[in-house]
Amino acid sequence: MYYLDVSLILPDSPCFDFTEVYLKKNILQSVKQLFGEEGIKSTIDILKYNSKERRCILRCADESYVRLRAALTVAGTYEGQACTYIIHRASANLLSFSADSRNYQH
């Protein structure tokens, strides 16, 4: 399994609220648009979701990781509005998300 720390940026609508269900729908739609029906055969789960920051932790199978990352990179719309997905971190180990070496204080 692979885990991705992802946030969604909506430059035209910074106050636009959306739910976890609509976010997953848009992610699956992005994968389907780029790779067709074959792309959405594997499971993509949202493990954690923060609506204020529009940030989530996604889980996908090893074989669908490259497809998911590519689809998020080229995704351009969310419900008809311009959007950008930012992938902050990606790892095969969920435990690596608990510590961030960039912010570590000695």
N, C-alpha and C. Protein backbone atom coordinates (compact mmCIF):
# COMPACT_ATOMS: atom_id res chain seq x y z
N MET A 1 0.83 -1.18 0.00
CA MET A 1 0.00 0.00 0.00
C MET A 1 0.88 1.25 0.00
N TYR A 2 0.36 2.28 -0.64
CA TYR A 2 1.02 3.59 -0.64
C TYR A 2 0.09 4.61 0.01
N TYR A 3 0.67 5.60 0.64
CA TYR A 3 -0.07 6.65 1.31
C TYR A 3 0.39 8.00 0.78
N LEU A 4 -0.56 8.89 0.52
CA LEU A 4 -0.24 10.21 0.00
C LEU A 4 -0.90 11.27 0.86
N ASP A 5 -0.16 12.28 1.20
CA ASP A 5 -0.66 13.45 1.92
C ASP A 5 -0.95 14.51 0.87
N VAL A 6 -2.23 14.79 0.64
CA VAL A 6 -2.65 15.62 -0.49
C VAL A 6 -3.53 16.76 -0.01
N SER A 7 -3.37 17.93 -0.63
CA SER A 7 -4.30 19.03 -0.38
C SER A 7 -4.85 19.54 -1.70
N LEU A 8 -6.04 20.11 -1.64
CA LEU A 8 -6.73 20.63 -2.81
C LEU A 8 -6.78 22.15 -2.72
N ILE A 9 -6.34 22.82 -3.78
CA ILE A 9 -6.35 24.27 -3.85
C ILE A 9 -7.39 24.69 -4.88
N LEU A 10 -8.31 25.55 -4.47
CA LEU A 10 -9.29 26.14 -5.38
C LEU A 10 -9.03 27.64 -5.43
N PRO A 11 -8.24 28.12 -6.40
CA PRO A 11 -7.85 29.53 -6.41
C PRO A 11 -9.02 30.50 -6.62
N ASP A 12 -10.05 30.08 -7.35
CA ASP A 12 -11.19 30.96 -7.62
C ASP A 12 -12.19 31.01 -6.47
N SER A 13 -12.20 29.98 -5.63
CA SER A 13 -13.18 29.89 -4.54
C SER A 13 -12.51 29.44 -3.25
N PRO A 14 -11.79 30.31 -2.57
CA PRO A 14 -11.09 29.89 -1.36
C PRO A 14 -12.02 29.50 -0.20
N CYS A 15 -13.27 29.94 -0.22
CA CYS A 15 -14.20 29.63 0.87
C CYS A 15 -15.15 28.49 0.51
N PHE A 16 -14.97 27.85 -0.62
CA PHE A 16 -15.85 26.79 -1.08
C PHE A 16 -15.71 25.57 -0.18
N ASP A 17 -16.82 25.09 0.39
CA ASP A 17 -16.80 23.91 1.26
C ASP A 17 -17.15 22.67 0.44
N PHE A 18 -16.52 21.57 0.77
CA PHE A 18 -16.86 20.31 0.13
C PHE A 18 -16.65 19.19 1.13
N THR A 19 -17.27 18.06 0.86
CA THR A 19 -17.21 16.93 1.78
C THR A 19 -16.21 15.89 1.28
N GLU A 20 -15.95 14.96 2.14
CA GLU A 20 -15.05 13.85 1.83
C GLU A 20 -15.57 13.04 0.64
N VAL A 21 -16.88 12.89 0.55
CA VAL A 21 -17.49 12.12 -0.54
C VAL A 21 -17.24 12.80 -1.89
N TYR A 22 -17.43 14.11 -1.95
CA TYR A 22 -17.20 14.83 -3.20
C TYR A 22 -15.72 14.85 -3.57
N LEU A 23 -14.86 14.90 -2.59
CA LEU A 23 -13.42 14.86 -2.85
C LEU A 23 -13.03 13.52 -3.47
N LYS A 24 -13.52 12.43 -2.89
CA LYS A 24 -13.20 11.10 -3.43
C LYS A 24 -13.78 10.94 -4.83
N LYS A 25 -14.98 11.45 -5.04
CA LYS A 25 -15.60 11.39 -6.37
C LYS A 25 -14.74 12.11 -7.39
N ASN A 26 -14.22 13.27 -7.03
CA ASN A 26 -13.39 14.03 -7.95
C ASN A 26 -12.06 13.34 -8.22
N ILE A 27 -11.48 12.72 -7.21
CA ILE A 27 -10.23 11.99 -7.39
C ILE A 27 -10.44 10.82 -8.34
N LEU A 28 -11.50 10.04 -8.12
CA LEU A 28 -11.79 8.91 -9.00
C LEU A 28 -12.09 9.38 -10.42
N GLN A 29 -12.79 10.50 -10.54
CA GLN A 29 -13.10 11.06 -11.85
C GLN A 29 -11.81 11.48 -12.57
N SER A 30 -10.86 12.02 -11.86
CA SER A 30 -9.58 12.42 -12.45
C SER A 30 -8.81 11.21 -12.95
N VAL A 31 -8.81 10.13 -12.16
CA VAL A 31 -8.12 8.90 -12.57
C VAL A 31 -8.81 8.31 -13.79
N LYS A 32 -10.14 8.29 -13.77
CA LYS A 32 -10.89 7.73 -14.90
C LYS A 32 -10.68 8.55 -16.17
N GLN A 33 -10.62 9.86 -16.04
CA GLN A 33 -10.43 10.73 -17.20
C GLN A 33 -9.07 10.47 -17.85
N LEU A 34 -8.06 10.20 -17.05
CA LEU A 34 -6.71 10.01 -17.59
C LEU A 34 -6.46 8.57 -18.04
N PHE A 35 -6.99 7.58 -17.31
CA PHE A 35 -6.67 6.18 -17.58
C PHE A 35 -7.87 5.32 -17.96
N GLY A 36 -9.06 5.87 -17.99
CA GLY A 36 -10.25 5.10 -18.36
C GLY A 36 -10.72 4.19 -17.24
N GLU A 37 -11.57 3.23 -17.61
CA GLU A 37 -12.14 2.30 -16.64
C GLU A 37 -11.06 1.45 -15.96
N GLU A 38 -10.00 1.15 -16.68
CA GLU A 38 -8.92 0.35 -16.11
C GLU A 38 -8.26 1.06 -14.94
N GLY A 39 -8.22 2.38 -14.99
CA GLY A 39 -7.56 3.16 -13.95
C GLY A 39 -8.27 3.15 -12.61
N ILE A 40 -9.59 2.98 -12.63
CA ILE A 40 -10.33 3.06 -11.36
C ILE A 40 -10.71 1.69 -10.80
N LYS A 41 -10.09 0.63 -11.32
CA LYS A 41 -10.39 -0.70 -10.80
C LYS A 41 -9.88 -0.92 -9.39
N SER A 42 -8.75 -0.34 -9.06
CA SER A 42 -8.21 -0.54 -7.72
C SER A 42 -8.83 0.45 -6.73
N THR A 43 -8.75 0.10 -5.47
CA THR A 43 -9.39 0.89 -4.42
C THR A 43 -8.52 2.07 -4.00
N ILE A 44 -9.16 3.22 -3.84
CA ILE A 44 -8.52 4.41 -3.30
C ILE A 44 -9.34 4.83 -2.08
N ASP A 45 -8.70 4.93 -0.94
CA ASP A 45 -9.40 5.27 0.30
C ASP A 45 -8.90 6.60 0.85
N ILE A 46 -9.81 7.33 1.48
CA ILE A 46 -9.44 8.53 2.23
C ILE A 46 -9.39 8.12 3.70
N LEU A 47 -8.20 8.10 4.27
CA LEU A 47 -8.04 7.67 5.66
C LEU A 47 -8.32 8.79 6.65
N LYS A 48 -7.88 9.99 6.31
CA LYS A 48 -8.05 11.14 7.19
C LYS A 48 -8.37 12.34 6.33
N TYR A 49 -9.28 13.18 6.81
CA TYR A 49 -9.70 14.33 6.02
C TYR A 49 -9.84 15.55 6.92
N ASN A 50 -9.24 16.66 6.53
CA ASN A 50 -9.34 17.91 7.26
C ASN A 50 -10.00 18.93 6.34
N SER A 51 -11.26 19.27 6.62
CA SER A 51 -12.01 20.16 5.73
C SER A 51 -11.52 21.60 5.78
N LYS A 52 -10.99 22.03 6.91
CA LYS A 52 -10.51 23.42 7.00
C LYS A 52 -9.28 23.65 6.13
N GLU A 53 -8.37 22.70 6.14
CA GLU A 53 -7.15 22.82 5.33
C GLU A 53 -7.31 22.22 3.95
N ARG A 54 -8.43 21.53 3.72
CA ARG A 54 -8.67 20.81 2.46
C ARG A 54 -7.54 19.82 2.20
N ARG A 55 -7.22 19.07 3.21
CA ARG A 55 -6.09 18.16 3.15
C ARG A 55 -6.54 16.77 3.57
N CYS A 56 -5.97 15.74 2.93
CA CYS A 56 -6.37 14.38 3.25
C CYS A 56 -5.19 13.43 3.09
N ILE A 57 -5.34 12.26 3.70
CA ILE A 57 -4.39 11.17 3.54
C ILE A 57 -5.09 10.11 2.69
N LEU A 58 -4.51 9.80 1.54
CA LEU A 58 -5.06 8.80 0.64
C LEU A 58 -4.27 7.50 0.75
N ARG A 59 -4.98 6.38 0.57
CA ARG A 59 -4.33 5.07 0.54
C ARG A 59 -4.69 4.39 -0.77
N CYS A 60 -3.69 3.82 -1.42
CA CYS A 60 -3.94 3.09 -2.66
C CYS A 60 -3.02 1.88 -2.73
N ALA A 61 -3.35 0.96 -3.61
CA ALA A 61 -2.52 -0.23 -3.80
C ALA A 61 -1.22 0.14 -4.51
N ASP A 62 -0.21 -0.70 -4.34
CA ASP A 62 1.09 -0.43 -4.96
C ASP A 62 0.99 -0.26 -6.47
N GLU A 63 0.20 -1.11 -7.11
CA GLU A 63 0.11 -1.07 -8.57
C GLU A 63 -0.65 0.14 -9.11
N SER A 64 -1.41 0.82 -8.27
CA SER A 64 -2.16 1.99 -8.75
C SER A 64 -1.55 3.32 -8.28
N TYR A 65 -0.44 3.26 -7.56
CA TYR A 65 0.19 4.47 -7.03
C TYR A 65 0.59 5.45 -8.13
N VAL A 66 1.25 4.96 -9.16
CA VAL A 66 1.73 5.84 -10.24
C VAL A 66 0.55 6.47 -10.97
N ARG A 67 -0.51 5.68 -11.20
CA ARG A 67 -1.70 6.22 -11.87
C ARG A 67 -2.37 7.31 -11.03
N LEU A 68 -2.51 7.05 -9.73
CA LEU A 68 -3.14 8.04 -8.86
C LEU A 68 -2.33 9.32 -8.80
N ARG A 69 -1.04 9.20 -8.66
CA ARG A 69 -0.19 10.39 -8.58
C ARG A 69 -0.23 11.18 -9.88
N ALA A 70 -0.21 10.50 -11.00
CA ALA A 70 -0.28 11.17 -12.30
C ALA A 70 -1.61 11.88 -12.47
N ALA A 71 -2.70 11.22 -12.09
CA ALA A 71 -4.03 11.82 -12.23
C ALA A 71 -4.17 13.06 -11.35
N LEU A 72 -3.64 13.02 -10.14
CA LEU A 72 -3.71 14.19 -9.26
C LEU A 72 -2.86 15.34 -9.79
N THR A 73 -1.75 15.00 -10.43
CA THR A 73 -0.86 16.03 -10.96
C THR A 73 -1.50 16.79 -12.12
N VAL A 74 -2.22 16.08 -12.98
CA VAL A 74 -2.80 16.74 -14.16
C VAL A 74 -4.26 17.16 -13.97
N ALA A 75 -4.85 16.83 -12.83
CA ALA A 75 -6.25 17.22 -12.58
C ALA A 75 -6.38 18.73 -12.63
N GLY A 76 -7.42 19.22 -13.31
CA GLY A 76 -7.56 20.66 -13.47
C GLY A 76 -8.86 21.25 -13.00
N THR A 77 -9.87 20.40 -12.73
CA THR A 77 -11.16 20.96 -12.31
C THR A 77 -11.74 20.17 -11.14
N TYR A 78 -12.48 20.90 -10.31
CA TYR A 78 -13.26 20.31 -9.22
C TYR A 78 -14.65 20.91 -9.32
N GLU A 79 -15.63 20.10 -9.67
CA GLU A 79 -17.02 20.55 -9.82
C GLU A 79 -17.11 21.78 -10.74
N GLY A 80 -16.35 21.75 -11.83
CA GLY A 80 -16.40 22.83 -12.81
C GLY A 80 -15.53 24.03 -12.50
N GLN A 81 -14.82 24.01 -11.40
CA GLN A 81 -13.94 25.12 -11.01
C GLN A 81 -12.48 24.68 -11.15
N ALA A 82 -11.63 25.63 -11.46
CA ALA A 82 -10.20 25.33 -11.58
C ALA A 82 -9.66 24.86 -10.23
N CYS A 83 -8.81 23.85 -10.26
CA CYS A 83 -8.24 23.33 -9.01
C CYS A 83 -6.83 22.82 -9.25
N THR A 84 -6.12 22.65 -8.15
CA THR A 84 -4.78 22.08 -8.17
C THR A 84 -4.64 21.16 -6.96
N TYR A 85 -4.15 19.96 -7.19
CA TYR A 85 -3.83 19.05 -6.09
C TYR A 85 -2.34 19.18 -5.79
N ILE A 86 -2.01 19.33 -4.53
CA ILE A 86 -0.61 19.37 -4.11
C ILE A 86 -0.34 18.12 -3.29
N ILE A 87 0.67 17.37 -3.71
CA ILE A 87 1.07 16.17 -2.99
C ILE A 87 2.24 16.55 -2.08
N HIS A 88 1.96 16.61 -0.79
CA HIS A 88 2.97 17.03 0.17
C HIS A 88 3.98 15.93 0.46
N ARG A 89 3.46 14.72 0.66
CA ARG A 89 4.31 13.58 0.96
C ARG A 89 3.68 12.32 0.40
N ALA A 90 4.52 11.36 0.09
CA ALA A 90 4.06 10.04 -0.34
C ALA A 90 5.01 9.01 0.24
N SER A 91 4.45 7.90 0.70
CA SER A 91 5.28 6.88 1.33
C SER A 91 4.58 5.53 1.28
N ALA A 92 5.38 4.48 1.31
CA ALA A 92 4.83 3.14 1.40
C ALA A 92 4.56 2.76 2.85
N ASN A 93 4.94 3.63 3.78
CA ASN A 93 4.80 3.35 5.20
C ASN A 93 4.02 4.50 5.86
N LEU A 94 2.87 4.20 6.40
CA LEU A 94 2.03 5.22 7.03
C LEU A 94 2.70 5.83 8.26
N LEU A 95 3.51 5.07 8.94
CA LEU A 95 4.19 5.55 10.14
C LEU A 95 5.13 6.72 9.84
N SER A 96 5.64 6.79 8.63
CA SER A 96 6.56 7.88 8.28
C SER A 96 5.85 9.24 8.26
N PHE A 97 4.53 9.26 8.22
CA PHE A 97 3.78 10.52 8.24
C PHE A 97 3.71 11.11 9.65
N SER A 98 3.99 10.31 10.67
CA SER A 98 3.87 10.80 12.04
C SER A 98 5.02 11.73 12.42
N ALA A 99 6.15 11.61 11.75
CA ALA A 99 7.30 12.47 12.04
C ALA A 99 7.73 13.18 10.76
N ASP A 100 8.09 14.44 10.90
CA ASP A 100 8.51 15.23 9.75
C ASP A 100 9.91 15.77 10.03
N SER A 101 10.89 15.27 9.31
CA SER A 101 12.27 15.69 9.56
C SER A 101 12.52 17.14 9.17
N ARG A 102 11.67 17.72 8.35
CA ARG A 102 11.85 19.11 7.94
C ARG A 102 11.58 20.08 9.10
N ASN A 103 10.72 19.68 10.02
CA ASN A 103 10.35 20.56 11.13
C ASN A 103 10.96 20.12 12.46
N TYR A 104 11.89 19.19 12.44
CA TYR A 104 12.47 18.67 13.67
C TYR A 104 13.35 19.72 14.33
N GLN A 105 13.14 19.94 15.61
CA GLN A 105 13.93 20.89 16.39
C GLN A 105 14.96 20.12 17.21
N HIS A 106 16.23 20.47 17.09
CA HIS A 106 17.30 19.81 17.86
C HIS A 106 17.39 20.41 19.23
